[in-house]
C-alpha atoms as a PDB file:
ATOM      1  CA  MET A   1     131.961 368.622 -42.709  1.00  0.00           C
ATOM      2  CA  SER A   2     134.861 370.738 -41.458  1.00  0.00           C
ATOM      3  CA  PHE A   3     134.711 374.490 -40.809  1.00  0.00           C
ATOM      4  CA  MET A   4     136.878 375.120 -43.900  1.00  0.00           C
ATOM      5  CA  GLU A   5     134.606 373.002 -46.070  1.00  0.00           C
ATOM      6  CA  CYS A   6     131.509 374.862 -44.768  1.00  0.00           C
ATOM      7  CA  ASN A   7     133.114 378.216 -45.650  1.00  0.00           C
ATOM      8  CA  LYS A   8     134.026 376.950 -49.127  1.00  0.00           C
ATOM      9  CA  SER A   9     130.481 375.734 -49.763  1.00  0.00           C
ATOM     10  CA  LEU A  10     129.001 379.014 -48.549  1.00  0.00           C
ATOM     11  CA  PHE A  11     131.338 380.996 -50.794  1.00  0.00           C
ATOM     12  CA  MET A  12     130.333 378.897 -53.851  1.00  0.00           C
ATOM     13  CA  ILE A  13     126.624 379.382 -53.078  1.00  0.00           C
ATOM     14  CA  LEU A  14     127.076 383.163 -52.776  1.00  0.00           C
ATOM     15  CA  ALA A  15     129.040 383.236 -56.059  1.00  0.00           C
ATOM     16  CA  VAL A  16     126.271 381.380 -57.860  1.00  0.00           C
ATOM     17  CA  LEU A  17     123.601 383.705 -56.422  1.00  0.00           C
ATOM     18  CA  GLY A  18     125.617 386.765 -57.505  1.00  0.00           C
ATOM     19  CA  ALA A  19     125.891 385.401 -61.028  1.00  0.00           C
ATOM     20  CA  LEU A  20     122.181 384.757 -61.173  1.00  0.00           C
ATOM     21  CA  LEU A  21     121.434 388.317 -60.127  1.00  0.00           C
ATOM     22  CA  VAL A  22     123.487 389.588 -63.052  1.00  0.00           C
ATOM     23  CA  ILE A  23     121.866 387.204 -65.541  1.00  0.00           C
ATOM     24  CA  PHE A  24     118.356 387.734 -64.193  1.00  0.00           C
ATOM     25  CA  PRO A  25     118.412 391.317 -62.833  1.00  0.00           C
ATOM     26  CA  CYS A  26     114.623 391.582 -62.664  1.00  0.00           C
ATOM     27  CA  ALA A  27     114.575 388.893 -59.997  1.00  0.00           C
ATOM     28  CA  ARG A  28     115.564 391.523 -57.446  1.00  0.00           C
ATOM     29  CA  ALA A  29     113.301 392.403 -54.551  1.00  0.00           C
ATOM     30  CA  ASN A  30     111.010 394.957 -56.223  1.00  0.00           C
ATOM     31  CA  GLY A  31     111.612 393.884 -59.822  1.00  0.00           C
ATOM     32  CA  GLU A  32     113.485 397.090 -60.682  1.00  0.00           C
ATOM     33  CA  MET A  33     117.047 397.271 -61.917  1.00  0.00           C
ATOM     34  CA  SER A  34     119.473 399.481 -60.095  1.00  0.00           C
ATOM     35  CA  ALA A  35     122.056 401.641 -61.860  1.00  0.00           C
ATOM     36  CA  ALA A  36     124.637 398.903 -61.182  1.00  0.00           C
ATOM     37  CA  ASP A  37     122.398 396.282 -62.771  1.00  0.00           C
ATOM     38  CA  VAL A  38     121.983 398.459 -65.871  1.00  0.00           C
ATOM     39  CA  LEU A  39     125.687 399.253 -66.125  1.00  0.00           C
ATOM     40  CA  ALA A  40     126.420 395.528 -66.108  1.00  0.00           C
ATOM     41  CA  LEU A  41     124.573 395.305 -69.433  1.00  0.00           C
ATOM     42  CA  LEU A  42     125.033 398.799 -70.875  1.00  0.00           C
ATOM     43  CA  PRO A  43     127.874 399.145 -73.378  1.00  0.00           C
ATOM     44  CA  THR A  44     129.958 402.169 -72.350  1.00  0.00           C
ATOM     45  CA  GLY A  45     132.862 402.129 -74.815  1.00  0.00           C
ATOM     46  CA  PRO A  46     133.276 404.255 -77.947  1.00  0.00           C
ATOM     47  CA  ASP A  47     132.033 401.540 -80.323  1.00  0.00           C
ATOM     48  CA  MET A  48     129.787 398.495 -80.396  1.00  0.00           C
ATOM     49  CA  HIS A  49     131.587 395.909 -82.512  1.00  0.00           C
ATOM     50  CA  ASP A  50     131.484 393.347 -79.765  1.00  0.00           C
ATOM     51  CA  SER A  51     128.652 390.821 -80.302  1.00  0.00           C
ATOM     52  CA  ARG A  52     128.359 390.307 -76.550  1.00  0.00           C
ATOM     53  CA  GLU A  53     127.764 394.048 -76.015  1.00  0.00           C
ATOM     54  CA  LYS A  54     125.047 393.997 -78.712  1.00  0.00           C
ATOM     55  CA  ALA A  55     123.360 391.011 -77.027  1.00  0.00           C
ATOM     56  CA  ASN A  56     123.506 392.752 -73.656  1.00  0.00           C
ATOM     57  CA  LEU A  57     121.986 395.897 -75.146  1.00  0.00           C
ATOM     58  CA  ALA A  58     119.091 393.860 -76.614  1.00  0.00           C
ATOM     59  CA  LYS A  59     118.510 392.275 -73.181  1.00  0.00           C
ATOM     60  CA  LEU A  60     118.429 395.712 -71.577  1.00  0.00           C
ATOM     61  CA  ILE A  61     115.935 397.062 -74.098  1.00  0.00           C
ATOM     62  CA  ASP A  62     113.683 394.066 -73.463  1.00  0.00           C
ATOM     63  CA  GLN A  63     113.640 394.819 -69.721  1.00  0.00           C
ATOM     64  CA  GLY A  64     111.362 397.757 -70.461  1.00  0.00           C
ATOM     65  CA  GLU A  65     110.204 399.771 -67.446  1.00  0.00           C
ATOM     66  CA  ALA A  66     112.022 397.457 -65.038  1.00  0.00           C
ATOM     67  CA  ALA A  67     115.209 399.247 -66.180  1.00  0.00           C
ATOM     68  CA  PHE A  68     113.841 402.765 -66.032  1.00  0.00           C
ATOM     69  CA  THR A  69     114.937 403.546 -62.494  1.00  0.00           C
ATOM     70  CA  GLY A  70     118.529 402.469 -63.137  1.00  0.00           C
ATOM     71  CA  LEU A  71     118.662 404.243 -66.492  1.00  0.00           C
ATOM     72  CA  LEU A  72     117.454 407.507 -64.990  1.00  0.00           C
ATOM     73  CA  ASP A  73     119.993 407.209 -62.151  1.00  0.00           C
ATOM     74  CA  ILE A  74     122.750 406.896 -64.729  1.00  0.00           C
ATOM     75  CA  ILE A  75     121.476 409.908 -66.674  1.00  0.00           C
ATOM     76  CA  ARG A  76     121.352 411.981 -63.454  1.00  0.00           C
ATOM     77  CA  THR A  77     124.744 410.989 -61.996  1.00  0.00           C
ATOM     78  CA  ASP A  78     127.089 409.236 -64.448  1.00  0.00           C
ATOM     79  CA  ASN A  79     129.856 411.447 -65.809  1.00  0.00           C
ATOM     80  CA  SER A  80     130.502 409.220 -68.812  1.00  0.00           C
ATOM     81  CA  PRO A  81     128.897 410.692 -71.966  1.00  0.00           C
ATOM     82  CA  TYR A  82     128.747 407.209 -73.444  1.00  0.00           C
ATOM     83  CA  ALA A  83     126.804 405.846 -70.465  1.00  0.00           C
ATOM     84  CA  ALA A  84     124.350 408.752 -70.357  1.00  0.00           C
ATOM     85  CA  GLY A  85     123.871 408.768 -74.133  1.00  0.00           C
ATOM     86  CA  ARG A  86     123.246 405.080 -74.350  1.00  0.00           C
ATOM     87  CA  ALA A  87     120.952 405.124 -71.350  1.00  0.00           C
ATOM     88  CA  LEU A  88     118.862 407.707 -73.192  1.00  0.00           C
ATOM     89  CA  ALA A  89     118.940 405.604 -76.350  1.00  0.00           C
ATOM     90  CA  VAL A  90     117.696 402.568 -74.394  1.00  0.00           C
ATOM     91  CA  LEU A  91     114.870 404.612 -72.896  1.00  0.00           C
ATOM     92  CA  ARG A  92     113.773 405.690 -76.380  1.00  0.00           C
ATOM     93  CA  CYS A  93     113.833 402.080 -77.697  1.00  0.00           C
ATOM     94  CA  SER A  94     112.476 400.345 -74.581  1.00  0.00           C
ATOM     95  CA  LYS A  95     109.671 397.842 -74.922  1.00  0.00           C
ATOM     96  CA  ASN A  96     107.313 396.387 -72.333  1.00  0.00           C
ATOM     97  CA  ALA A  97     106.622 399.741 -70.710  1.00  0.00           C
ATOM     98  CA  THR A  98     103.230 401.042 -69.666  1.00  0.00           C
ATOM     99  CA  PRO A  99     102.098 404.553 -70.708  1.00  0.00           C
ATOM    100  CA  GLU A 100     102.229 405.552 -66.999  1.00  0.00           C
ATOM    101  CA  ALA A 101     105.855 404.463 -66.716  1.00  0.00           C
ATOM    102  CA  ARG A 102     106.812 406.353 -69.863  1.00  0.00           C
ATOM    103  CA  ARG A 103     105.028 409.456 -68.524  1.00  0.00           C
ATOM    104  CA  GLU A 104     107.124 409.274 -65.339  1.00  0.00           C
ATOM    105  CA  VAL A 105     110.298 409.037 -67.407  1.00  0.00           C
ATOM    106  CA  VAL A 106     109.384 412.094 -69.490  1.00  0.00           C
ATOM    107  CA  THR A 107     108.567 414.105 -66.337  1.00  0.00           C
ATOM    108  CA  GLU A 108     111.883 413.136 -64.748  1.00  0.00           C
ATOM    109  CA  LEU A 109     113.873 413.937 -67.894  1.00  0.00           C
ATOM    110  CA  GLY A 110     112.182 417.330 -67.970  1.00  0.00           C
ATOM    111  CA  LYS A 111     113.405 417.998 -64.416  1.00  0.00           C
ATOM    112  CA  VAL A 112     116.985 416.925 -65.214  1.00  0.00           C
ATOM    113  CA  LEU A 113     116.978 418.995 -68.405  1.00  0.00           C
ATOM    114  CA  ASN A 114     115.786 422.061 -66.511  1.00  0.00           C
ATOM    115  CA  GLU A 115     118.536 421.597 -63.894  1.00  0.00           C
ATOM    116  CA  ARG A 116     121.196 421.428 -66.615  1.00  0.00           C
ATOM    117  CA  LYS A 117     119.757 423.921 -69.068  1.00  0.00           C
ATOM    118  CA  THR A 118     122.637 426.404 -68.641  1.00  0.00           C
ATOM    119  CA  LEU A 119     125.487 423.883 -68.864  1.00  0.00           C
ATOM    120  CA  THR A 120     127.897 424.292 -71.751  1.00  0.00           C
ATOM    121  CA  GLY A 121     130.749 422.205 -73.119  1.00  0.00           C
ATOM    122  CA  TYR A 122     130.475 419.663 -75.910  1.00  0.00           C
ATOM    123  CA  ARG A 123     129.581 416.711 -73.650  1.00  0.00           C
ATOM    124  CA  ASP A 124     126.844 418.491 -71.689  1.00  0.00           C
ATOM    125  CA  GLU A 125     125.448 420.000 -74.901  1.00  0.00           C
ATOM    126  CA  TRP A 126     125.410 416.585 -76.566  1.00  0.00           C
ATOM    127  CA  THR A 127     123.580 415.069 -73.574  1.00  0.00           C
ATOM    128  CA  LEU A 128     121.043 417.926 -73.528  1.00  0.00           C
ATOM    129  CA  SER A 129     120.343 417.355 -77.212  1.00  0.00           C
ATOM    130  CA  LEU A 130     119.799 413.639 -76.584  1.00  0.00           C
ATOM    131  CA  MET A 131     117.458 414.435 -73.676  1.00  0.00           C
ATOM    132  CA  ALA A 132     115.414 416.628 -76.020  1.00  0.00           C
ATOM    133  CA  GLN A 133     115.188 413.739 -78.510  1.00  0.00           C
ATOM    134  CA  ALA A 134     114.103 411.288 -75.804  1.00  0.00           C
ATOM    135  CA  ILE A 135     111.411 413.638 -74.502  1.00  0.00           C
ATOM    136  CA  ALA A 136     110.186 414.189 -78.068  1.00  0.00           C
ATOM    137  CA  ASP A 137     110.024 410.455 -78.733  1.00  0.00           C
ATOM    138  CA  MET A 138     108.393 409.433 -75.466  1.00  0.00           C
ATOM    139  CA  GLY A 139     106.334 412.535 -74.653  1.00  0.00           C
ATOM    140  CA  GLU A 140     102.948 413.916 -75.627  1.00  0.00           C
ATOM    141  CA  ALA A 141     101.945 417.187 -77.239  1.00  0.00           C
ATOM    142  CA  GLY A 142     101.635 418.913 -73.888  1.00  0.00           C
ATOM    143  CA  ASP A 143     105.268 418.139 -73.025  1.00  0.00           C
ATOM    144  CA  ALA A 144     106.604 420.638 -75.531  1.00  0.00           C
ATOM    145  CA  MET A 145     107.137 423.217 -72.793  1.00  0.00           C
ATOM    146  CA  LEU A 146     109.641 420.888 -71.082  1.00  0.00           C
ATOM    147  CA  LEU A 147     112.004 421.752 -73.929  1.00  0.00           C
ATOM    148  CA  ALA A 148     111.475 425.534 -73.735  1.00  0.00           C
ATOM    149  CA  PRO A 149     114.534 426.102 -71.499  1.00  0.00           C
ATOM    150  CA  LEU A 150     116.762 424.960 -74.340  1.00  0.00           C
ATOM    151  CA  LEU A 151     115.673 427.728 -76.671  1.00  0.00           C
ATOM    152  CA  ASP A 152     117.851 430.224 -74.827  1.00  0.00           C
ATOM    153  CA  HIS A 153     120.934 427.991 -74.691  1.00  0.00           C
ATOM    154  CA  PRO A 154     124.132 429.511 -76.145  1.00  0.00           C
ATOM    155  CA  SER A 155     124.740 426.462 -78.321  1.00  0.00           C
ATOM    156  CA  GLY A 156     122.982 426.471 -81.674  1.00  0.00           C
ATOM    157  CA  ASP A 157     122.913 422.651 -81.690  1.00  0.00           C
ATOM    158  CA  VAL A 158     121.081 422.551 -78.354  1.00  0.00           C
ATOM    159  CA  ARG A 159     118.615 425.229 -79.480  1.00  0.00           C
ATOM    160  CA  ASN A 160     117.955 423.280 -82.668  1.00  0.00           C
ATOM    161  CA  ALA A 161     117.369 420.109 -80.666  1.00  0.00           C
ATOM    162  CA  GLY A 162     114.857 422.025 -78.538  1.00  0.00           C
ATOM    163  CA  TYR A 163     113.015 423.439 -81.575  1.00  0.00           C
ATOM    164  CA  SER A 164     112.968 420.047 -83.350  1.00  0.00           C
ATOM    165  CA  GLY A 165     111.683 418.290 -80.250  1.00  0.00           C
ATOM    166  CA  MET A 166     108.936 420.893 -79.726  1.00  0.00           C
ATOM    167  CA  GLU A 167     107.850 420.540 -83.383  1.00  0.00           C
ATOM    168  CA  LYS A 168     107.749 416.756 -83.081  1.00  0.00           C
ATOM    169  CA  LEU A 169     105.658 416.939 -79.906  1.00  0.00           C
ATOM    170  CA  ALA A 170     103.302 419.573 -81.402  1.00  0.00           C
ATOM    171  CA  ALA A 171     102.743 417.293 -84.430  1.00  0.00           C
ATOM    172  CA  LYS A 172     101.443 414.575 -82.096  1.00  0.00           C
ATOM    173  CA  ALA A 173      98.438 416.789 -81.332  1.00  0.00           C
ATOM    174  CA  VAL A 174      97.209 416.501 -84.913  1.00  0.00           C
ATOM    175  CA  ALA A 175      98.741 413.221 -86.113  1.00  0.00           C
ATOM    176  CA  PRO A 176      96.816 409.935 -85.772  1.00  0.00           C
ATOM    177  CA  GLU A 177      97.617 408.262 -82.493  1.00  0.00           C
ATOM    178  CA  ALA A 178     100.473 405.777 -82.876  1.00  0.00           C
ATOM    179  CA  PRO A 179     100.245 402.253 -81.387  1.00  0.00           C
ATOM    180  CA  PRO A 180     101.938 401.762 -77.999  1.00  0.00           C
ATOM    181  CA  ALA A 181     105.721 401.588 -78.166  1.00  0.00           C
ATOM    182  CA  GLU A 182     105.813 397.889 -77.226  1.00  0.00           C
ATOM    183  CA  GLU A 183     103.679 397.082 -80.268  1.00  0.00           C
ATOM    184  CA  GLN A 184     105.833 398.974 -82.734  1.00  0.00           C
ATOM    185  CA  ALA A 185     108.538 397.092 -84.570  1.00  0.00           C
ATOM    186  CA  GLU A 186     111.828 398.841 -83.850  1.00  0.00           C
ATOM    187  CA  PRO A 187     114.386 398.264 -86.659  1.00  0.00           C
ATOM    188  CA  PRO A 188     117.482 396.624 -85.108  1.00  0.00           C
ATOM    189  CA  GLU A 189     119.796 398.946 -87.024  1.00  0.00           C
ATOM    190  CA  HIS A 190     118.046 401.992 -85.546  1.00  0.00           C
ATOM    191  CA  ILE A 191     118.473 400.661 -82.003  1.00  0.00           C
ATOM    192  CA  GLU A 192     122.116 399.853 -82.586  1.00  0.00           C
ATOM    193  CA  SER A 193     122.981 403.184 -84.253  1.00  0.00           C
ATOM    194  CA  SER A 194     121.199 405.196 -81.548  1.00  0.00           C
ATOM    195  CA  ALA A 195     122.881 403.305 -78.756  1.00  0.00           C
ATOM    196  CA  SER A 196     126.354 403.327 -80.326  1.00  0.00           C
ATOM    197  CA  GLU A 197     126.341 407.002 -81.151  1.00  0.00           C
ATOM    198  CA  ALA A 198     129.322 408.746 -79.598  1.00  0.00           C
ATOM    199  CA  PRO A 199     129.637 412.300 -78.312  1.00  0.00           C
ATOM    200  CA  PRO A 200     131.377 414.765 -80.593  1.00  0.00           C
ATOM    201  CA  THR A 201     134.995 415.519 -80.026  1.00  0.00           C
ATOM    202  CA  PRO A 202     135.874 418.988 -78.816  1.00  0.00           C
END
């Protein structure tokens, strides 16, 4: 085999391996998806009419806690409101996650929310409201104080999201315990509408 043929074969092998890593992201070293892995599946446009995007979203939701690290990285650093909003929607709908992993997500979202609690502007306010919803969905009664910083926000929408989230968390202290998230049937239309929701226009 010539040198050129060797190089061509090596290139083809690397291309196949790269494709496999996209198709099977959890096959990475520690089983966790990076932000790049998540973005390869996360729809980031203003709508979700594409059937391929819907299929990718379903795959991402099924990854469960394996996607949590990448999703949180996107929420912390990505400037696209669509990416951050859909990452939060995926967290809320994720299956196959242990209670411990969900607790870590809630704690981390509380830290990010506290860091951004004074930000204004329609995109930041929309993201803060979605964070409040995610904490309310995934958290426990004792997590209500994570939303307290939003009660002084200048935006009425953000304050309302904080109050609503705190009420939802407080209700968990007296409501019968719900089954784990992975055992609950999540209506497909709810997943799709949450993930395709777009930020308001200024």
